[in-house]
């Protein structure tokens, strides 16, 4: 298995297809949530993912401050169903936090987390901010990571 960190234009056609296929399989089909996954923001993002052959094992995208939220951000965190509960998503998030902090020199990282994952993200250093809200009819909460804490 191999970790990748790429800009949009560095993705191969097959990688992009497999990423979109995984995101749709989980976020649209599995979570029964009709929404526009291909949101026009992938071009601004860096894409961090683990591949096993051609299979995307786990994936997320990161944005510089101002490209999605006011702060740098992490989103679309997803793991292939056949590879869950092995720590791959956590590894990807740690890689994202390190990249954002060390390469982009950003102090804060913002996420819009599904509320059932609050404890998971708190264990990674994120703090809930504000009240839960509905995003695509799924309860979410804004969470913030501060590399100084």
Foldseek 3Di string as FASTA:
>chain_A
DDKDKAAPVPDDPLLVVQLVVQLCVVVCVVVVFDDDPPPVLSNQWIKIFDDDPSHTAWIKTWHPQPSPHNHIEIDSTGGHPVNPPPCPSVVRVVVVVCCCCPVVVGFKYKYWAQVVCQVVVVVVAWDFDDDWDADSNTTTTIIMHGNVD
